[in-house]
């Protein structure tokens, strides 16, 4: 079995409440959730309401005054494996990727 460690860097910002942007991201979150529709959650009798039995309870994670939408613009990162191999990467320009660090061991270029 293999293992990796990943570090992802970026800039986070809170989306303003009540905006079209906030509604868009909440809708996208619901559309892309991983809960199975129609299955009842098994946390015990009476804990989940009827809506949750119908849609997996996906809405409960994005509702409430204390819940905020955070957008993260990912800039770069590092992936390392259990053998000491390190691969740095960065997102450059619009849609372009720049992957560097090919063959690095512990982040150091070999001779």
PDB file of N, CA and C in Angstrom:
ATOM      1  N   UNK A   1       0.847  -1.171   0.000  1.00  0.00           N
ATOM      2  CA  UNK A   1       0.000   0.000   0.000  1.00  0.00           C
ATOM      3  C   UNK A   1       0.896   1.239   0.000  1.00  0.00           C
ATOM      4  N   UNK A   2       0.562   2.226  -0.803  1.00  0.00           N
ATOM      5  CA  UNK A   2       1.371   3.435  -0.874  1.00  0.00           C
ATOM      6  C   UNK A   2       0.695   4.578  -0.130  1.00  0.00           C
ATOM      7  N   UNK A   3       1.509   5.554   0.249  1.00  0.00           N
ATOM      8  CA  UNK A   3       1.006   6.737   0.942  1.00  0.00           C
ATOM      9  C   UNK A   3       1.626   7.962   0.319  1.00  0.00           C
ATOM     10  N   UNK A   4       0.858   9.045   0.316  1.00  0.00           N
ATOM     11  CA  UNK A   4       1.379  10.327  -0.115  1.00  0.00           C
ATOM     12  C   UNK A   4       0.950  11.389   0.879  1.00  0.00           C
ATOM     13  N   UNK A   5       1.651  12.485   0.864  1.00  0.00           N
ATOM     14  CA  UNK A   5       1.295  13.657   1.639  1.00  0.00           C
ATOM     15  C   UNK A   5       1.168  14.801   0.655  1.00  0.00           C
ATOM     16  N   UNK A   6       0.097  15.571   0.775  1.00  0.00           N
ATOM     17  CA  UNK A   6      -0.116  16.680  -0.151  1.00  0.00           C
ATOM     18  C   UNK A   6      -0.333  17.975   0.626  1.00  0.00           C
ATOM     19  N   UNK A   7       0.333  19.016   0.182  1.00  0.00           N
ATOM     20  CA  UNK A   7       0.131  20.361   0.716  1.00  0.00           C
ATOM     21  C   UNK A   7      -0.388  21.209  -0.430  1.00  0.00           C
ATOM     22  N   UNK A   8      -1.489  21.890  -0.195  1.00  0.00           N
ATOM     23  CA  UNK A   8      -2.083  22.746  -1.217  1.00  0.00           C
ATOM     24  C   UNK A   8      -2.133  24.162  -0.666  1.00  0.00           C
ATOM     25  N   UNK A   9      -1.575  25.105  -1.405  1.00  0.00           N
ATOM     26  CA  UNK A   9      -1.553  26.512  -0.998  1.00  0.00           C
ATOM     27  C   UNK A   9      -2.507  27.319  -1.862  1.00  0.00           C
ATOM     28  N   UNK A  10      -3.033  28.378  -1.294  1.00  0.00           N
ATOM     29  CA  UNK A  10      -3.920  29.242  -2.051  1.00  0.00           C
ATOM     30  C   UNK A  10      -4.380  30.431  -1.235  1.00  0.00           C
ATOM     31  N   UNK A  11      -5.302  31.180  -1.807  1.00  0.00           N
ATOM     32  CA  UNK A  11      -5.863  32.355  -1.150  1.00  0.00           C
ATOM     33  C   UNK A  11      -7.350  32.127  -0.955  1.00  0.00           C
ATOM     34  N   UNK A  12      -7.802  32.230   0.300  1.00  0.00           N
ATOM     35  CA  UNK A  12      -9.209  32.009   0.623  1.00  0.00           C
ATOM     36  C   UNK A  12      -9.907  33.347   0.847  1.00  0.00           C
ATOM     37  N   UNK A  13     -11.194  33.381   0.489  1.00  0.00           N
ATOM     38  CA  UNK A  13     -11.999  34.573   0.762  1.00  0.00           C
ATOM     39  C   UNK A  13     -13.424  34.144   1.086  1.00  0.00           C
ATOM     40  N   UNK A  14     -14.061  34.899   1.969  1.00  0.00           N
ATOM     41  CA  UNK A  14     -15.465  34.664   2.283  1.00  0.00           C
ATOM     42  C   UNK A  14     -16.322  35.305   1.209  1.00  0.00           C
ATOM     43  N   UNK A  15     -17.321  34.587   0.731  1.00  0.00           N
ATOM     44  CA  UNK A  15     -18.250  35.129  -0.251  1.00  0.00           C
ATOM     45  C   UNK A  15     -19.302  35.933   0.502  1.00  0.00           C
ATOM     46  N   UNK A  16     -19.626  37.081  -0.031  1.00  0.00           N
ATOM     47  CA  UNK A  16     -20.606  37.960   0.609  1.00  0.00           C
ATOM     48  C   UNK A  16     -21.968  37.282   0.709  1.00  0.00           C
ATOM     49  N   UNK A  17     -22.604  37.408   1.859  1.00  0.00           N
ATOM     50  CA  UNK A  17     -23.912  36.781   2.102  1.00  0.00           C
ATOM     51  C   UNK A  17     -24.990  37.363   1.194  1.00  0.00           C
ATOM     52  N   UNK A  18     -25.888  36.487   0.743  1.00  0.00           N
ATOM     53  CA  UNK A  18     -27.060  36.913  -0.017  1.00  0.00           C
ATOM     54  C   UNK A  18     -26.804  37.283  -1.468  1.00  0.00           C
ATOM     55  N   UNK A  19     -25.604  37.047  -1.966  1.00  0.00           N
ATOM     56  CA  UNK A  19     -25.284  37.412  -3.348  1.00  0.00           C
ATOM     57  C   UNK A  19     -25.591  36.256  -4.302  1.00  0.00           C
ATOM     58  N   UNK A  20     -25.643  36.576  -5.585  1.00  0.00           N
ATOM     59  CA  UNK A  20     -25.822  35.533  -6.599  1.00  0.00           C
ATOM     60  C   UNK A  20     -24.664  34.541  -6.549  1.00  0.00           C
ATOM     61  N   UNK A  21     -23.462  35.033  -6.266  1.00  0.00           N
ATOM     62  CA  UNK A  21     -22.298  34.162  -6.179  1.00  0.00           C
ATOM     63  C   UNK A  21     -22.464  33.144  -5.048  1.00  0.00           C
ATOM     64  N   UNK A  22     -22.949  33.595  -3.903  1.00  0.00           N
ATOM     65  CA  UNK A  22     -23.160  32.679  -2.789  1.00  0.00           C
ATOM     66  C   UNK A  22     -24.205  31.629  -3.151  1.00  0.00           C
ATOM     67  N   UNK A  23     -25.308  32.041  -3.763  1.00  0.00           N
ATOM     68  CA  UNK A  23     -26.343  31.085  -4.182  1.00  0.00           C
ATOM     69  C   UNK A  23     -25.785  30.072  -5.170  1.00  0.00           C
ATOM     70  N   UNK A  24     -24.961  30.528  -6.107  1.00  0.00           N
ATOM     71  CA  UNK A  24     -24.352  29.637  -7.098  1.00  0.00           C
ATOM     72  C   UNK A  24     -23.512  28.555  -6.413  1.00  0.00           C
ATOM     73  N   UNK A  25     -22.622  28.958  -5.508  1.00  0.00           N
ATOM     74  CA  UNK A  25     -21.748  27.980  -4.857  1.00  0.00           C
ATOM     75  C   UNK A  25     -22.513  27.030  -3.944  1.00  0.00           C
ATOM     76  N   UNK A  26     -23.538  27.506  -3.279  1.00  0.00           N
ATOM     77  CA  UNK A  26     -24.359  26.611  -2.449  1.00  0.00           C
ATOM     78  C   UNK A  26     -25.068  25.579  -3.331  1.00  0.00           C
ATOM     79  N   UNK A  27     -25.581  26.042  -4.470  1.00  0.00           N
ATOM     80  CA  UNK A  27     -26.252  25.131  -5.405  1.00  0.00           C
ATOM     81  C   UNK A  27     -25.267  24.105  -5.964  1.00  0.00           C
ATOM     82  N   UNK A  28     -24.067  24.556  -6.320  1.00  0.00           N
ATOM     83  CA  UNK A  28     -23.050  23.644  -6.834  1.00  0.00           C
ATOM     84  C   UNK A  28     -22.668  22.616  -5.772  1.00  0.00           C
ATOM     85  N   UNK A  29     -22.579  23.036  -4.518  1.00  0.00           N
ATOM     86  CA  UNK A  29     -22.259  22.119  -3.429  1.00  0.00           C
ATOM     87  C   UNK A  29     -23.331  21.039  -3.316  1.00  0.00           C
ATOM     88  N   UNK A  30     -24.589  21.440  -3.379  1.00  0.00           N
ATOM     89  CA  UNK A  30     -25.678  20.465  -3.297  1.00  0.00           C
ATOM     90  C   UNK A  30     -25.667  19.518  -4.495  1.00  0.00           C
ATOM     91  N   UNK A  31     -25.418  20.052  -5.679  1.00  0.00           N
ATOM     92  CA  UNK A  31     -25.395  19.215  -6.888  1.00  0.00           C
ATOM     93  C   UNK A  31     -24.256  18.204  -6.865  1.00  0.00           C
ATOM     94  N   UNK A  32     -23.182  18.517  -6.165  1.00  0.00           N
ATOM     95  CA  UNK A  32     -21.999  17.659  -6.171  1.00  0.00           C
ATOM     96  C   UNK A  32     -21.771  16.915  -4.865  1.00  0.00           C
ATOM     97  N   UNK A  33     -22.792  16.862  -4.001  1.00  0.00           N
ATOM     98  CA  UNK A  33     -22.602  16.167  -2.719  1.00  0.00           C
ATOM     99  C   UNK A  33     -22.474  14.670  -2.961  1.00  0.00           C
ATOM    100  N   UNK A  34     -21.987  13.947  -1.963  1.00  0.00           N
ATOM    101  CA  UNK A  34     -21.764  12.512  -2.100  1.00  0.00           C
ATOM    102  C   UNK A  34     -22.775  11.672  -1.346  1.00  0.00           C
ATOM    103  N   UNK A  35     -23.827  12.311  -0.829  1.00  0.00           N
ATOM    104  CA  UNK A  35     -24.846  11.547  -0.122  1.00  0.00           C
ATOM    105  C   UNK A  35     -25.728  10.823  -1.122  1.00  0.00           C
ATOM    106  N   UNK A  36     -26.190   9.645  -0.760  1.00  0.00           N
ATOM    107  CA  UNK A  36     -27.075   8.870  -1.628  1.00  0.00           C
ATOM    108  C   UNK A  36     -28.504   9.350  -1.448  1.00  0.00           C
ATOM    109  N   UNK A  37     -29.131   9.757  -2.527  1.00  0.00           N
ATOM    110  CA  UNK A  37     -30.512  10.211  -2.448  1.00  0.00           C
ATOM    111  C   UNK A  37     -31.442   9.054  -2.151  1.00  0.00           C
ATOM    112  N   UNK A  38     -32.426   9.325  -1.289  1.00  0.00           N
ATOM    113  CA  UNK A  38     -33.447   8.339  -0.993  1.00  0.00           C
ATOM    114  C   UNK A  38     -33.092   7.385   0.121  1.00  0.00           C
ATOM    115  N   UNK A  39     -31.831   7.367   0.584  1.00  0.00           N
ATOM    116  CA  UNK A  39     -31.441   6.463   1.651  1.00  0.00           C
ATOM    117  C   UNK A  39     -31.599   7.164   2.989  1.00  0.00           C
ATOM    118  N   UNK A  40     -32.123   6.438   3.970  1.00  0.00           N
ATOM    119  CA  UNK A  40     -32.266   6.996   5.306  1.00  0.00           C
ATOM    120  C   UNK A  40     -30.943   6.852   6.043  1.00  0.00           C
ATOM    121  N   UNK A  41     -30.548   7.908   6.757  1.00  0.00           N
ATOM    122  CA  UNK A  41     -29.329   7.865   7.536  1.00  0.00           C
ATOM    123  C   UNK A  41     -29.543   6.967   8.744  1.00  0.00           C
ATOM    124  N   UNK A  42     -28.502   6.302   9.223  1.00  0.00           N
ATOM    125  CA  UNK A  42     -28.640   5.326  10.292  1.00  0.00           C
ATOM    126  C   UNK A  42     -28.128   5.856  11.627  1.00  0.00           C
ATOM    127  N   UNK A  43     -28.482   7.071  11.986  1.00  0.00           N
ATOM    128  CA  UNK A  43     -28.012   7.650  13.242  1.00  0.00           C
ATOM    129  C   UNK A  43     -28.989   7.411  14.383  1.00  0.00           C
ATOM    130  N   UNK A  44     -30.072   6.717  14.147  1.00  0.00           N
ATOM    131  CA  UNK A  44     -31.028   6.445  15.221  1.00  0.00           C
ATOM    132  C   UNK A  44     -32.406   6.963  14.895  1.00  0.00           C
ATOM    133  N   UNK A  45     -33.383   6.480  15.595  1.00  0.00           N
ATOM    134  CA  UNK A  45     -34.775   6.857  15.378  1.00  0.00           C
ATOM    135  C   UNK A  45     -35.002   8.317  15.735  1.00  0.00           C
ATOM    136  N   UNK A  46     -35.743   9.018  14.908  1.00  0.00           N
ATOM    137  CA  UNK A  46     -36.171  10.367  15.217  1.00  0.00           C
ATOM    138  C   UNK A  46     -35.116  11.445  15.064  1.00  0.00           C
ATOM    139  N   UNK A  47     -33.896  11.100  14.699  1.00  0.00           N
ATOM    140  CA  UNK A  47     -32.840  12.096  14.592  1.00  0.00           C
ATOM    141  C   UNK A  47     -32.933  12.859  13.280  1.00  0.00           C
ATOM    142  N   UNK A  48     -33.231  12.180  12.190  1.00  0.00           N
ATOM    143  CA  UNK A  48     -33.255  12.797  10.868  1.00  0.00           C
ATOM    144  C   UNK A  48     -34.693  13.103  10.470  1.00  0.00           C
ATOM    145  N   UNK A  49     -34.905  14.254   9.843  1.00  0.00           N
ATOM    146  CA  UNK A  49     -36.257  14.618   9.435  1.00  0.00           C
ATOM    147  C   UNK A  49     -36.607  14.003   8.081  1.00  0.00           C
ATOM    148  N   UNK A  50     -37.851  14.212   7.635  1.00  0.00           N
ATOM    149  CA  UNK A  50     -38.344  13.617   6.385  1.00  0.00           C
ATOM    150  C   UNK A  50     -37.504  14.058   5.201  1.00  0.00           C
ATOM    151  N   UNK A  51     -37.129  15.330   5.153  1.00  0.00           N
ATOM    152  CA  UNK A  51     -36.329  15.839   4.043  1.00  0.00           C
ATOM    153  C   UNK A  51     -35.015  15.082   3.943  1.00  0.00           C
ATOM    154  N   UNK A  52     -34.379  14.792   5.070  1.00  0.00           N
ATOM    155  CA  UNK A  52     -33.112  14.081   5.050  1.00  0.00           C
ATOM    156  C   UNK A  52     -33.263  12.668   4.517  1.00  0.00           C
ATOM    157  N   UNK A  53     -34.390  12.027   4.785  1.00  0.00           N
ATOM    158  CA  UNK A  53     -34.604  10.676   4.266  1.00  0.00           C
ATOM    159  C   UNK A  53     -34.777  10.721   2.745  1.00  0.00           C
ATOM    160  N   UNK A  54     -35.228  11.846   2.224  1.00  0.00           N
ATOM    161  CA  UNK A  54     -35.447  11.954   0.790  1.00  0.00           C
ATOM    162  C   UNK A  54     -34.190  12.344   0.021  1.00  0.00           C
ATOM    163  N   UNK A  55     -33.335  13.210   0.601  1.00  0.00           N
ATOM    164  CA  UNK A  55     -32.178  13.685  -0.155  1.00  0.00           C
ATOM    165  C   UNK A  55     -30.843  13.476   0.560  1.00  0.00           C
ATOM    166  N   UNK A  56     -30.802  12.618   1.551  1.00  0.00           N
ATOM    167  CA  UNK A  56     -29.562  12.352   2.261  1.00  0.00           C
ATOM    168  C   UNK A  56     -29.200  13.425   3.271  1.00  0.00           C
ATOM    169  N   UNK A  57     -30.073  14.404   3.492  1.00  0.00           N
ATOM    170  CA  UNK A  57     -29.789  15.464   4.449  1.00  0.00           C
ATOM    171  C   UNK A  57     -28.759  16.457   3.977  1.00  0.00           C
ATOM    172  N   UNK A  58     -28.532  16.506   2.685  1.00  0.00           N
ATOM    173  CA  UNK A  58     -27.451  17.327   2.140  1.00  0.00           C
ATOM    174  C   UNK A  58     -27.596  18.810   2.445  1.00  0.00           C
ATOM    175  N   UNK A  59     -28.818  19.315   2.555  1.00  0.00           N
ATOM    176  CA  UNK A  59     -29.028  20.733   2.816  1.00  0.00           C
ATOM    177  C   UNK A  59     -28.600  21.179   4.198  1.00  0.00           C
ATOM    178  N   UNK A  60     -28.605  20.281   5.167  1.00  0.00           N
ATOM    179  CA  UNK A  60     -28.276  20.680   6.538  1.00  0.00           C
ATOM    180  C   UNK A  60     -26.842  21.173   6.685  1.00  0.00           C
ATOM    181  N   UNK A  61     -25.993  20.875   5.740  1.00  0.00           N
ATOM    182  CA  UNK A  61     -24.604  21.297   5.822  1.00  0.00           C
ATOM    183  C   UNK A  61     -24.370  22.703   5.292  1.00  0.00           C
ATOM    184  N   UNK A  62     -25.341  23.283   4.607  1.00  0.00           N
ATOM    185  CA  UNK A  62     -25.139  24.614   4.041  1.00  0.00           C
ATOM    186  C   UNK A  62     -26.167  25.616   4.520  1.00  0.00           C
ATOM    187  N   UNK A  63     -27.020  25.228   5.459  1.00  0.00           N
ATOM    188  CA  UNK A  63     -28.048  26.125   5.964  1.00  0.00           C
ATOM    189  C   UNK A  63     -27.653  26.669   7.325  1.00  0.00           C
ATOM    190  N   UNK A  64     -28.169  27.826   7.645  1.00  0.00           N
ATOM    191  CA  UNK A  64     -27.928  28.416   8.957  1.00  0.00           C
ATOM    192  C   UNK A  64     -27.086  29.666   8.866  1.00  0.00           C
ATOM    193  N   UNK A  65     -27.323  30.561   9.800  1.00  0.00           N
ATOM    194  CA  UNK A  65     -26.633  31.848   9.830  1.00  0.00           C
ATOM    195  C   UNK A  65     -25.127  31.696  10.049  1.00  0.00           C
ATOM    196  N   UNK A  66     -24.718  30.636  10.749  1.00  0.00           N
ATOM    197  CA  UNK A  66     -23.299  30.455  11.054  1.00  0.00           C
ATOM    198  C   UNK A  66     -22.514  29.822   9.905  1.00  0.00           C
ATOM    199  N   UNK A  67     -23.189  29.381   8.865  1.00  0.00           N
ATOM    200  CA  UNK A  67     -22.534  28.724   7.725  1.00  0.00           C
ATOM    201  C   UNK A  67     -22.168  29.770   6.680  1.00  0.00           C
ATOM    202  N   UNK A  68     -20.914  29.754   6.244  1.00  0.00           N
ATOM    203  CA  UNK A  68     -20.440  30.697   5.238  1.00  0.00           C
ATOM    204  C   UNK A  68     -19.830  29.946   4.072  1.00  0.00           C
ATOM    205  N   UNK A  69     -19.850  30.572   2.905  1.00  0.00           N
ATOM    206  CA  UNK A  69     -19.212  30.017   1.716  1.00  0.00           C
ATOM    207  C   UNK A  69     -17.812  30.618   1.623  1.00  0.00           C
ATOM    208  N   UNK A  70     -16.825  29.743   1.478  1.00  0.00           N
ATOM    209  CA  UNK A  70     -15.435  30.157   1.329  1.00  0.00           C
ATOM    210  C   UNK A  70     -14.953  29.677  -0.033  1.00  0.00           C
ATOM    211  N   UNK A  71     -14.393  30.579  -0.819  1.00  0.00           N
ATOM    212  CA  UNK A  71     -13.823  30.229  -2.120  1.00  0.00           C
ATOM    213  C   UNK A  71     -12.313  30.266  -1.976  1.00  0.00           C
ATOM    214  N   UNK A  72     -11.642  29.220  -2.453  1.00  0.00           N
ATOM    215  CA  UNK A  72     -10.189  29.141  -2.365  1.00  0.00           C
ATOM    216  C   UNK A  72      -9.613  29.108  -3.770  1.00  0.00           C
ATOM    217  N   UNK A  73      -8.760  30.069  -4.070  1.00  0.00           N
ATOM    218  CA  UNK A  73      -8.029  30.092  -5.341  1.00  0.00           C
ATOM    219  C   UNK A  73      -6.708  29.365  -5.089  1.00  0.00           C
ATOM    220  N   UNK A  74      -6.595  28.158  -5.630  1.00  0.00           N
ATOM    221  CA  UNK A  74      -5.409  27.333  -5.418  1.00  0.00           C
ATOM    222  C   UNK A  74      -4.277  27.863  -6.286  1.00  0.00           C
ATOM    223  N   UNK A  75      -3.104  28.010  -5.679  1.00  0.00           N
ATOM    224  CA  UNK A  75      -1.964  28.563  -6.406  1.00  0.00           C
ATOM    225  C   UNK A  75      -0.863  27.539  -6.669  1.00  0.00           C
ATOM    226  N   UNK A  76      -0.547  26.709  -5.671  1.00  0.00           N
ATOM    227  CA  UNK A  76       0.542  25.753  -5.840  1.00  0.00           C
ATOM    228  C   UNK A  76       0.449  24.680  -4.764  1.00  0.00           C
ATOM    229  N   UNK A  77       1.348  23.719  -4.860  1.00  0.00           N
ATOM    230  CA  UNK A  77       1.342  22.662  -3.865  1.00  0.00           C
ATOM    231  C   UNK A  77       2.551  21.768  -3.974  1.00  0.00           C
ATOM    232  N   UNK A  78       2.586  20.788  -3.086  1.00  0.00           N
ATOM    233  CA  UNK A  78       3.680  19.822  -3.043  1.00  0.00           C
ATOM    234  C   UNK A  78       3.094  18.463  -2.701  1.00  0.00           C
ATOM    235  N   UNK A  79       3.532  17.451  -3.427  1.00  0.00           N
ATOM    236  CA  UNK A  79       3.136  16.076  -3.146  1.00  0.00           C
ATOM    237  C   UNK A  79       4.402  15.285  -2.884  1.00  0.00           C
ATOM    238  N   UNK A  80       4.419  14.557  -1.767  1.00  0.00           N
ATOM    239  CA  UNK A  80       5.576  13.716  -1.471  1.00  0.00           C
ATOM    240  C   UNK A  80       5.100  12.298  -1.186  1.00  0.00           C
ATOM    241  N   UNK A  81       5.920  11.338  -1.558  1.00  0.00           N
ATOM    242  CA  UNK A  81       5.544   9.942  -1.337  1.00  0.00           C
ATOM    243  C   UNK A  81       6.387   9.343  -0.216  1.00  0.00           C
ATOM    244  N   UNK A  82       6.066   8.140   0.148  1.00  0.00           N
ATOM    245  CA  UNK A  82       6.717   7.472   1.271  1.00  0.00           C
ATOM    246  C   UNK A  82       8.171   7.117   1.005  1.00  0.00           C
ATOM    247  N   UNK A  83       8.581   7.191  -0.262  1.00  0.00           N
ATOM    248  CA  UNK A  83       9.970   6.888  -0.615  1.00  0.00           C
ATOM    249  C   UNK A  83      10.842   8.141  -0.578  1.00  0.00           C
ATOM    250  N   UNK A  84      10.258   9.292  -0.289  1.00  0.00           N
ATOM    251  CA  UNK A  84      11.018  10.534  -0.242  1.00  0.00           C
ATOM    252  C   UNK A  84      10.943  11.344  -1.519  1.00  0.00           C
ATOM    253  N   UNK A  85      10.201  10.870  -2.506  1.00  0.00           N
ATOM    254  CA  UNK A  85      10.047  11.631  -3.740  1.00  0.00           C
ATOM    255  C   UNK A  85       9.144  12.826  -3.515  1.00  0.00           C
ATOM    256  N   UNK A  86       9.555  13.983  -4.030  1.00  0.00           N
ATOM    257  CA  UNK A  86       8.795  15.224  -3.861  1.00  0.00           C
ATOM    258  C   UNK A  86       8.501  15.817  -5.225  1.00  0.00           C
ATOM    259  N   UNK A  87       7.279  16.261  -5.399  1.00  0.00           N
ATOM    260  CA  UNK A  87       6.884  16.890  -6.658  1.00  0.00           C
ATOM    261  C   UNK A  87       6.152  18.182  -6.334  1.00  0.00           C
ATOM    262  N   UNK A  88       6.731  19.305  -6.740  1.00  0.00           N
ATOM    263  CA  UNK A  88       6.103  20.607  -6.564  1.00  0.00           C
ATOM    264  C   UNK A  88       5.325  20.949  -7.820  1.00  0.00           C
ATOM    265  N   UNK A  89       4.231  21.681  -7.657  1.00  0.00           N
ATOM    266  CA  UNK A  89       3.433  22.093  -8.810  1.00  0.00           C
ATOM    267  C   UNK A  89       2.849  23.468  -8.535  1.00  0.00           C
ATOM    268  N   UNK A  90       2.508  24.158  -9.611  1.00  0.00           N
ATOM    269  CA  UNK A  90       1.855  25.460  -9.482  1.00  0.00           C
ATOM    270  C   UNK A  90       0.889  25.635 -10.639  1.00  0.00           C
ATOM    271  N   UNK A  91      -0.140  26.407 -10.394  1.00  0.00           N
ATOM    272  CA  UNK A  91      -1.094  26.761 -11.436  1.00  0.00           C
ATOM    273  C   UNK A  91      -0.668  28.104 -11.977  1.00  0.00           C
ATOM    274  N   UNK A  92      -0.435  28.174 -13.281  1.00  0.00           N
ATOM    275  CA  UNK A  92       0.038  29.413 -13.882  1.00  0.00           C
ATOM    276  C   UNK A  92      -0.925  29.857 -14.955  1.00  0.00           C
ATOM    277  N   UNK A  93      -1.168  31.158 -15.023  1.00  0.00           N
ATOM    278  CA  UNK A  93      -2.040  31.707 -16.055  1.00  0.00           C
ATOM    279  C   UNK A  93      -3.443  31.164 -15.960  1.00  0.00           C
ATOM    280  N   UNK A  94      -4.170  31.240 -17.048  1.00  0.00           N
ATOM    281  CA  UNK A  94      -5.544  30.772 -17.094  1.00  0.00           C
ATOM    282  C   UNK A  94      -5.589  29.328 -17.552  1.00  0.00           C
ATOM    283  N   UNK A  95      -5.843  28.437 -16.630  1.00  0.00           N
ATOM    284  CA  UNK A  95      -5.998  27.027 -16.959  1.00  0.00           C
ATOM    285  C   UNK A  95      -4.707  26.277 -17.198  1.00  0.00           C
ATOM    286  N   UNK A  96      -3.558  26.959 -17.127  1.00  0.00           N
ATOM    287  CA  UNK A  96      -2.296  26.286 -17.385  1.00  0.00           C
ATOM    288  C   UNK A  96      -1.720  25.661 -16.134  1.00  0.00           C
ATOM    289  N   UNK A  97      -0.999  24.585 -16.291  1.00  0.00           N
ATOM    290  CA  UNK A  97      -0.340  23.921 -15.171  1.00  0.00           C
ATOM    291  C   UNK A  97       1.152  23.910 -15.403  1.00  0.00           C
ATOM    292  N   UNK A  98       1.890  24.050 -14.337  1.00  0.00           N
ATOM    293  CA  UNK A  98       3.338  23.955 -14.378  1.00  0.00           C
ATOM    294  C   UNK A  98       3.741  22.969 -13.300  1.00  0.00           C
ATOM    295  N   UNK A  99       4.206  21.800 -13.678  1.00  0.00           N
ATOM    296  CA  UNK A  99       4.627  20.799 -12.706  1.00  0.00           C
ATOM    297  C   UNK A  99       6.135  20.731 -12.740  1.00  0.00           C
ATOM    298  N   UNK A 100       6.734  20.941 -11.572  1.00  0.00           N
ATOM    299  CA  UNK A 100       8.192  20.857 -11.486  1.00  0.00           C
ATOM    300  C   UNK A 100       8.555  19.864 -10.402  1.00  0.00           C
ATOM    301  N   UNK A 101       9.825  19.646 -10.215  1.00  0.00           N
ATOM    302  CA  UNK A 101      10.269  18.764  -9.149  1.00  0.00           C
ATOM    303  C   UNK A 101      10.391  17.321  -9.577  1.00  0.00           C
ATOM    304  N   UNK A 102      10.341  17.046 -10.862  1.00  0.00           N
ATOM    305  CA  UNK A 102      10.488  15.679 -11.356  1.00  0.00           C
ATOM    306  C   UNK A 102      11.809  15.117 -10.861  1.00  0.00           C
ATOM    307  N   UNK A 103      11.779  13.998 -10.181  1.00  0.00           N
ATOM    308  CA  UNK A 103      12.995  13.344  -9.744  1.00  0.00           C
ATOM    309  C   UNK A 103      13.599  13.897  -8.472  1.00  0.00           C
ATOM    310  N   UNK A 104      12.922  14.806  -7.789  1.00  0.00           N
ATOM    311  CA  UNK A 104      13.462  15.333  -6.540  1.00  0.00           C
ATOM    312  C   UNK A 104      13.341  14.290  -5.446  1.00  0.00           C
ATOM    313  N   UNK A 105      14.325  14.209  -4.606  1.00  0.00           N
ATOM    314  CA  UNK A 105      14.271  13.364  -3.429  1.00  0.00           C
ATOM    315  C   UNK A 105      14.391  14.278  -2.231  1.00  0.00           C
ATOM    316  N   UNK A 106      13.384  14.237  -1.381  1.00  0.00           N
ATOM    317  CA  UNK A 106      13.325  15.119  -0.206  1.00  0.00           C
ATOM    318  C   UNK A 106      13.465  16.590  -0.587  1.00  0.00           C
ATOM    319  N   UNK A 107      12.944  16.960  -1.766  1.00  0.00           N
ATOM    320  CA  UNK A 107      12.957  18.344  -2.200  1.00  0.00           C
ATOM    321  C   UNK A 107      14.293  18.845  -2.714  1.00  0.00           C
ATOM    322  N   UNK A 108      15.262  17.945  -2.869  1.00  0.00           N
ATOM    323  CA  UNK A 108      16.606  18.344  -3.287  1.00  0.00           C
ATOM    324  C   UNK A 108      16.903  17.730  -4.647  1.00  0.00           C
ATOM    325  N   UNK A 109      17.449  18.567  -5.563  1.00  0.00           N
ATOM    326  CA  UNK A 109      17.811  18.072  -6.877  1.00  0.00           C
ATOM    327  C   UNK A 109      19.043  17.198  -6.751  1.00  0.00           C
ATOM    328  N   UNK A 110      18.944  15.979  -7.318  1.00  0.00           N
ATOM    329  CA  UNK A 110      20.092  15.055  -7.263  1.00  0.00           C
ATOM    330  C   UNK A 110      21.206  15.484  -8.195  1.00  0.00           C
ATOM    331  N   UNK A 111      22.420  14.993  -7.920  1.00  0.00           N
ATOM    332  CA  UNK A 111      23.563  15.364  -8.770  1.00  0.00           C
ATOM    333  C   UNK A 111      23.858  14.290  -9.786  1.00  0.00           C
TER     334      UNK A 111
END
